Protein backbone atom coordinates (compact mmCIF):
# COMPACT_ATOMS: atom_id res chain seq x y z
CA UNK A 1 -23.69 -12.77 -40.09
CA UNK A 2 -23.73 -12.82 -36.28
CA UNK A 3 -26.15 -15.77 -36.36
CA UNK A 4 -23.98 -17.70 -38.81
CA UNK A 5 -20.89 -17.04 -36.67
CA UNK A 6 -22.69 -18.27 -33.55
CA UNK A 7 -23.97 -21.46 -35.18
CA UNK A 8 -20.66 -22.23 -36.86
CA UNK A 9 -18.73 -21.64 -33.65
CA UNK A 10 -21.18 -23.80 -31.71
CA UNK A 11 -20.65 -26.70 -34.11
CA UNK A 12 -16.88 -26.29 -33.92
CA UNK A 13 -16.94 -26.22 -30.13
CA UNK A 14 -19.03 -29.36 -30.03
CA UNK A 15 -16.59 -31.21 -32.24
CA UNK A 16 -13.55 -30.21 -30.23
CA UNK A 17 -15.11 -30.77 -26.81
CA UNK A 18 -16.26 -34.18 -27.95
CA UNK A 19 -12.65 -35.33 -28.24
CA UNK A 20 -12.27 -35.19 -24.49
CA UNK A 21 -15.66 -36.81 -23.99
CA UNK A 22 -15.00 -39.83 -26.22
CA UNK A 23 -13.86 -42.14 -23.46
CA UNK A 24 -16.62 -41.03 -21.15
CA UNK A 25 -19.31 -41.52 -23.79
CA UNK A 26 -17.98 -44.98 -24.61
CA UNK A 27 -18.35 -46.09 -21.00
CA UNK A 28 -21.64 -47.68 -19.87
CA UNK A 29 -24.23 -45.11 -18.83
CA UNK A 30 -24.77 -44.79 -15.10
CA UNK A 31 -27.11 -42.72 -12.97
CA UNK A 32 -24.51 -42.13 -10.28
CA UNK A 33 -22.79 -38.72 -10.49
CA UNK A 34 -19.04 -38.39 -10.66
CA UNK A 35 -18.34 -37.12 -7.14
CA UNK A 36 -14.80 -36.23 -8.11
CA UNK A 37 -16.28 -33.44 -10.26
CA UNK A 38 -18.43 -31.70 -7.66
CA UNK A 39 -18.28 -27.97 -6.99
CA UNK A 40 -20.12 -25.40 -4.86
CA UNK A 41 -23.77 -24.81 -5.72
CA UNK A 42 -26.16 -21.96 -5.01
CA UNK A 43 -28.02 -24.17 -2.51
CA UNK A 44 -26.50 -24.14 1.01
CA UNK A 45 -25.25 -27.56 2.08
CA UNK A 46 -25.37 -28.99 -1.43
CA UNK A 47 -22.89 -29.27 -4.31
CA UNK A 48 -23.23 -29.45 -8.09
CA UNK A 49 -21.73 -32.52 -9.77
CA UNK A 50 -20.98 -32.31 -13.49
CA UNK A 51 -20.44 -34.95 -16.14
CA UNK A 52 -18.52 -34.57 -19.37
CA UNK A 53 -20.26 -33.30 -22.50
CA UNK A 54 -20.63 -35.73 -25.39
CA UNK A 55 -20.24 -35.40 -29.14
CA UNK A 56 -22.66 -32.70 -30.32
CA UNK A 57 -24.81 -33.55 -27.31
CA UNK A 58 -25.90 -29.97 -26.73
CA UNK A 59 -27.53 -29.79 -30.17
CA UNK A 60 -29.98 -32.50 -29.11
CA UNK A 61 -30.89 -30.47 -26.02
CA UNK A 62 -31.69 -27.18 -27.79
CA UNK A 63 -35.26 -28.14 -28.86
CA UNK A 64 -36.00 -29.13 -25.26
CA UNK A 65 -34.68 -25.79 -24.01
CA UNK A 66 -36.88 -23.85 -26.44
CA UNK A 67 -39.93 -25.95 -25.60
CA UNK A 68 -39.18 -25.59 -21.90
CA UNK A 69 -39.06 -21.80 -22.09
CA UNK A 70 -42.34 -21.74 -24.03
CA UNK A 71 -43.96 -23.97 -21.43
CA UNK A 72 -42.59 -21.90 -18.56
CA UNK A 73 -44.23 -18.80 -20.06
CA UNK A 74 -47.74 -20.27 -19.67
CA UNK A 75 -47.32 -21.99 -16.32
CA UNK A 76 -49.74 -20.52 -13.79
CA UNK A 77 -47.04 -19.46 -11.35
CA UNK A 78 -45.16 -17.66 -14.13
CA UNK A 79 -48.14 -15.82 -15.67
CA UNK A 80 -47.48 -12.62 -13.66
CA UNK A 81 -43.99 -12.49 -15.21
CA UNK A 82 -45.35 -13.20 -18.68
CA UNK A 83 -47.99 -10.48 -18.44
CA UNK A 84 -45.43 -8.15 -16.88
CA UNK A 85 -43.08 -8.58 -19.85
CA UNK A 86 -45.96 -7.99 -22.27
CA UNK A 87 -47.14 -4.91 -20.36
CA UNK A 88 -43.63 -3.46 -20.13
CA UNK A 89 -43.10 -4.00 -23.86
CA UNK A 90 -46.43 -2.32 -24.66
CA UNK A 91 -45.63 0.60 -22.37
CA UNK A 92 -42.21 1.13 -23.93
CA UNK A 93 -43.73 1.05 -27.41
CA UNK A 94 -45.54 4.28 -26.59
CA UNK A 95 -42.30 6.04 -25.61
CA UNK A 96 -39.86 4.36 -28.01
CA UNK A 97 -39.18 7.41 -30.17
CA UNK A 98 -38.80 9.73 -27.18
CA UNK A 99 -36.42 7.31 -25.46
CA UNK A 100 -34.36 6.97 -28.65
CA UNK A 101 -34.06 10.76 -28.92
CA UNK A 102 -33.02 10.95 -25.26
CA UNK A 103 -30.35 8.30 -25.85
CA UNK A 104 -28.92 10.37 -28.71
CA UNK A 105 -28.76 13.47 -26.52
CA UNK A 106 -27.07 11.55 -23.71
CA UNK A 107 -24.57 10.06 -26.14
CA UNK A 108 -23.64 13.47 -27.51
CA UNK A 109 -23.28 14.86 -23.96
CA UNK A 110 -21.02 11.94 -22.93
CA UNK A 111 -19.09 12.07 -26.24
CA UNK A 112 -20.02 8.47 -27.04
CA UNK A 113 -20.10 7.92 -30.78
CA UNK A 114 -23.30 6.76 -32.43
CA UNK A 115 -21.82 5.45 -35.67
CA UNK A 116 -20.14 2.29 -34.29
CA UNK A 117 -16.84 2.67 -36.11
CA UNK A 118 -14.76 -0.51 -36.32
CA UNK A 119 -11.56 -1.49 -38.11
CA UNK A 120 -9.81 -4.64 -39.29
CA UNK A 121 -6.21 -5.64 -38.75
CA UNK A 122 -4.31 -6.74 -41.88
CA UNK A 123 -4.91 -10.41 -42.55
CA UNK A 124 -7.58 -10.72 -39.82
CA UNK A 125 -11.19 -10.68 -41.08
CA UNK A 126 -12.75 -10.00 -37.65
CA UNK A 127 -13.38 -6.27 -37.01
CA UNK A 128 -12.47 -4.69 -33.69
CA UNK A 129 -13.86 -1.60 -31.92
CA UNK A 130 -12.03 1.69 -32.29
CA UNK A 131 -13.80 3.85 -29.70
CA UNK A 132 -15.96 3.70 -26.57
CA UNK A 133 -19.23 3.46 -28.48
CA UNK A 134 -18.23 0.54 -30.67
CA UNK A 135 -16.55 -1.12 -27.68
CA UNK A 136 -19.79 -1.05 -25.67
CA UNK A 137 -21.71 -2.39 -28.66
CA UNK A 138 -19.36 -5.39 -28.73
CA UNK A 139 -20.63 -6.44 -25.27
CA UNK A 140 -23.53 -8.17 -27.01
CA UNK A 141 -21.88 -9.04 -30.29
CA UNK A 142 -21.58 -12.75 -30.88
CA UNK A 143 -17.79 -12.55 -30.93
CA UNK A 144 -17.44 -11.87 -27.20
CA UNK A 145 -19.55 -14.84 -25.98
CA UNK A 146 -17.85 -17.08 -28.55
CA UNK A 147 -14.44 -15.86 -27.36
CA UNK A 148 -15.42 -16.66 -23.76
CA UNK A 149 -16.60 -20.11 -24.82
CA UNK A 150 -13.48 -20.86 -26.83
CA UNK A 151 -11.27 -19.64 -23.98
CA UNK A 152 -13.06 -21.87 -21.48
CA UNK A 153 -12.87 -24.80 -23.88
CA UNK A 154 -9.12 -24.39 -24.22
CA UNK A 155 -8.67 -24.11 -20.47
CA UNK A 156 -10.94 -27.09 -19.81
CA UNK A 157 -9.06 -29.29 -22.27
CA UNK A 158 -5.70 -28.19 -20.88
CA UNK A 159 -6.63 -28.77 -17.23
CA UNK A 160 -9.07 -31.64 -17.79
CA UNK A 161 -11.64 -29.70 -15.74
CA UNK A 162 -15.10 -31.26 -16.04
CA UNK A 163 -17.02 -28.20 -14.89
CA UNK A 164 -15.26 -25.93 -17.38
CA UNK A 165 -15.95 -28.37 -20.23
CA UNK A 166 -19.59 -28.70 -19.23
CA UNK A 167 -19.92 -24.89 -19.03
CA UNK A 168 -18.51 -24.72 -22.55
CA UNK A 169 -21.28 -27.08 -23.66
CA UNK A 170 -23.87 -25.02 -21.76
CA UNK A 171 -22.74 -21.84 -23.51
CA UNK A 172 -22.80 -23.47 -26.95
CA UNK A 173 -26.28 -24.80 -26.23
CA UNK A 174 -27.59 -21.47 -24.96
CA UNK A 175 -26.10 -19.42 -27.80
CA UNK A 176 -27.56 -21.80 -30.38
CA UNK A 177 -31.00 -21.59 -28.77
CA UNK A 178 -30.88 -17.80 -28.66
CA UNK A 179 -29.91 -17.61 -32.33
CA UNK A 180 -32.82 -19.85 -33.35
CA UNK A 181 -35.47 -18.13 -31.22
CA UNK A 182 -34.53 -14.52 -31.89
CA UNK A 183 -34.10 -15.04 -35.63
CA UNK A 184 -37.48 -16.78 -35.83
CA UNK A 185 -39.19 -13.90 -34.02
CA UNK A 186 -37.39 -11.29 -36.14
CA UNK A 187 -38.64 -12.96 -39.32
CA UNK A 188 -42.16 -13.17 -37.86
CA UNK A 189 -42.43 -9.57 -36.66
CA UNK A 190 -40.43 -7.64 -39.29
CA UNK A 191 -39.93 -4.50 -37.23
CA UNK A 192 -37.83 -1.66 -38.60
CA UNK A 193 -34.66 -0.72 -36.73
CA UNK A 194 -34.33 2.98 -35.83
CA UNK A 195 -31.78 3.43 -38.62
CA UNK A 196 -34.41 2.37 -41.20
CA UNK A 197 -37.53 3.73 -39.51
CA UNK A 198 -40.07 5.36 -41.82
CA UNK A 199 -42.30 6.35 -38.89
CA UNK A 200 -41.91 7.01 -35.17
CA UNK A 201 -41.17 3.76 -33.34
CA UNK A 202 -40.51 1.91 -36.57
CA UNK A 203 -42.98 0.13 -38.80
CA UNK A 204 -43.98 -3.50 -38.22
CA UNK A 205 -44.26 -5.72 -41.32
CA UNK A 206 -45.01 -9.28 -40.16
CA UNK A 207 -43.71 -12.20 -42.20
CA UNK A 208 -41.61 -10.20 -44.67
CA UNK A 209 -40.42 -11.81 -47.86
CA UNK A 210 -37.19 -13.69 -47.01
CA UNK A 211 -35.43 -12.19 -50.03
CA UNK A 212 -36.41 -8.64 -48.99
CA UNK A 213 -35.25 -9.44 -45.48
CA UNK A 214 -31.80 -10.53 -46.60
CA UNK A 215 -31.38 -7.55 -48.90
CA UNK A 216 -32.15 -5.03 -46.14
CA UNK A 217 -31.85 -6.74 -42.77
CA UNK A 218 -32.07 -3.61 -40.53
CA UNK A 219 -35.45 -2.83 -42.06
CA UNK A 220 -36.94 -5.98 -40.50
CA UNK A 221 -34.83 -7.33 -37.61
CA UNK A 222 -35.30 -5.01 -34.62
CA UNK A 223 -37.59 -7.18 -32.47
CA UNK A 224 -36.39 -8.75 -30.24
CA UNK A 225 -32.76 -7.79 -29.58
CA UNK A 226 -30.45 -10.68 -30.37
CA UNK A 227 -27.51 -8.80 -28.83
CA UNK A 228 -29.20 -8.46 -25.45
CA UNK A 229 -30.52 -12.04 -25.48
CA UNK A 230 -26.99 -13.28 -26.26
CA UNK A 231 -25.51 -11.26 -23.41
CA UNK A 232 -28.17 -12.47 -20.97
CA UNK A 233 -27.80 -16.17 -21.81
CA UNK A 234 -24.03 -15.89 -21.36
CA UNK A 235 -24.25 -14.16 -17.98
CA UNK A 236 -26.98 -16.53 -16.75
CA UNK A 237 -25.02 -19.69 -17.60
CA UNK A 238 -21.77 -18.42 -16.09
CA UNK A 239 -23.60 -17.37 -12.91
CA UNK A 240 -25.40 -20.72 -12.66
CA UNK A 241 -22.22 -22.77 -13.13
CA UNK A 242 -20.04 -20.56 -10.91
CA UNK A 243 -22.32 -19.44 -8.06
CA UNK A 244 -19.35 -18.85 -5.79
CA UNK A 245 -18.30 -15.94 -8.03
CA UNK A 246 -20.83 -13.31 -6.95
CA UNK A 247 -19.40 -10.67 -9.30
CA UNK A 248 -20.67 -12.37 -12.47
CA UNK A 249 -24.22 -11.02 -12.25
CA UNK A 250 -23.55 -7.39 -11.18
CA UNK A 251 -20.74 -6.99 -13.71
CA UNK A 252 -22.73 -8.74 -16.44
CA UNK A 253 -25.91 -6.76 -15.80
CA UNK A 254 -23.97 -3.49 -15.74
CA UNK A 255 -22.46 -4.34 -19.12
CA UNK A 256 -25.92 -5.16 -20.46
CA UNK A 257 -27.27 -1.81 -19.27
CA UNK A 258 -24.49 -0.04 -21.18
CA UNK A 259 -25.17 -2.24 -24.21
CA UNK A 260 -28.88 -1.40 -24.12
CA UNK A 261 -28.11 2.32 -24.09
CA UNK A 262 -25.57 2.10 -26.91
CA UNK A 263 -27.87 0.11 -29.18
CA UNK A 264 -30.39 2.95 -28.86
CA UNK A 265 -27.67 5.54 -29.32
CA UNK A 266 -26.45 3.98 -32.57
CA UNK A 267 -29.98 3.34 -33.93
CA UNK A 268 -29.87 -0.46 -33.81
CA UNK A 269 -32.75 -1.08 -31.36
CA UNK A 270 -35.75 0.44 -29.65
CA UNK A 271 -36.24 0.15 -25.88
CA UNK A 272 -39.28 -2.10 -26.38
CA UNK A 273 -37.04 -4.66 -28.11
CA UNK A 274 -35.41 -5.44 -24.76
CA UNK A 275 -37.87 -7.04 -22.26
CA UNK A 276 -38.61 -10.13 -24.37
CA UNK A 277 -34.94 -10.46 -25.34
CA UNK A 278 -33.89 -10.52 -21.68
CA UNK A 279 -36.56 -13.12 -20.87
CA UNK A 280 -35.45 -15.33 -23.77
CA UNK A 281 -31.79 -15.19 -22.77
CA UNK A 282 -32.54 -15.82 -19.10
CA UNK A 283 -34.92 -18.71 -19.74
CA UNK A 284 -32.67 -20.49 -22.22
CA UNK A 285 -29.67 -19.97 -19.95
CA UNK A 286 -31.46 -21.49 -16.95
CA UNK A 287 -32.51 -24.54 -18.95
CA UNK A 288 -29.12 -25.08 -20.59
CA UNK A 289 -27.28 -24.82 -17.26
CA UNK A 290 -29.14 -27.88 -15.89
CA UNK A 291 -27.71 -30.25 -18.51
CA UNK A 292 -25.16 -32.72 -17.19
CA UNK A 293 -25.43 -31.27 -13.69
CA UNK A 294 -26.84 -32.89 -10.55
CA UNK A 295 -27.28 -31.14 -7.20
CA UNK A 296 -26.52 -33.50 -4.28
CA UNK A 297 -25.93 -33.20 -0.55
CA UNK A 298 -22.42 -32.04 0.25
CA UNK A 299 -22.08 -34.77 2.87
CA UNK A 300 -22.83 -37.50 0.36
CA UNK A 301 -20.33 -36.09 -2.09
CA UNK A 302 -17.60 -35.79 0.53
CA UNK A 303 -18.12 -39.39 1.61
CA UNK A 304 -17.82 -40.73 -1.91
CA UNK A 305 -15.31 -38.33 -3.36
CA UNK A 306 -11.87 -39.87 -3.34
CA UNK A 307 -9.57 -38.17 -0.86
CA UNK A 308 -5.99 -37.29 -1.67
CA UNK A 309 -3.50 -38.57 0.92
CA UNK A 310 0.26 -38.98 0.97
CA UNK A 311 2.09 -40.92 3.69
CA UNK A 312 5.38 -42.66 4.50
CA UNK A 313 5.06 -46.42 4.94
CA UNK A 314 7.90 -48.43 6.63
CA UNK A 315 8.93 -51.77 5.11
CA UNK A 316 11.48 -54.41 6.26
CA UNK A 317 14.74 -55.30 4.46
CA UNK A 318 17.23 -58.14 5.00
CA UNK A 319 19.66 -55.83 6.75
CA UNK A 320 17.35 -53.20 8.20
CA UNK A 321 14.34 -51.36 6.86
CA UNK A 322 13.22 -48.48 4.75
CA UNK A 323 10.47 -46.05 4.01
CA UNK A 324 8.22 -45.88 0.96
CA UNK A 325 6.04 -43.02 -0.19
CA UNK A 326 2.42 -44.08 -0.68
CA UNK A 327 -0.57 -42.04 -1.74
CA UNK A 328 -4.18 -42.25 -2.86
CA UNK A 329 -5.61 -39.89 -5.45
């Protein structure tokens, strides 16, 4: 259900954001960035210039993002990271059951529920958390990233802010990529979630029958964690598009740490489900955040960016003179 919500929301966001992009997409393509839409970048002395997203444009970029992450994993300079993720996953596999038991003990000590109780308001089909445990679990639920994306879309359309609209497209692109990759891997690996485990660490049943999978999803969908990948792609894109806001990463990573604990506490995931999920979310977020964005020298942007000036200009009249208000925007 989370995957369907993400994909449906992504399609809806693309359709709505395309309304604002219609005029821009109809204009002749040009390689020159729009210097009126430049913002601070993470590179000193340079700025990031954004263009408007087009109709369903992000959907065409998702295959490239997935292929790019796969290629990055085998690049020579990235092999230490790839082997590190594999080694960490293998090491956690050995201690998965012990770590899960420790998470339960910590949850009981901190009085954090492990049953994830939610409720629904009358007439509203979307459940909401009712306690600390279910609230933490919602950090990685698809509803929170979608809510952030919808909120940014509304603000971008209201203010006509190019960066906000492009970030909306980045988020839709990243969330779609995460849904595709994690669901593919879940169907390939078929690992039992802790709640359905028939042996310590959960049993692996590669390539389960799709009908069996749908009838008993928790018995096959533990690896990797879609919740954590979703949280990571969201934080990565926001941090890439808003580098001047240094709080995004520490706050986001802290929320992900709590989410990781709670998903072990409520028997949704094992610790070894996390390293690959984090790598997937980070890689897809980095690729998505480059779309429609060009990093240029700040001096070049300031020279070309139209300046806003207002001045009083005198003009003659038959019997005297007057002043007119003139401005450039």
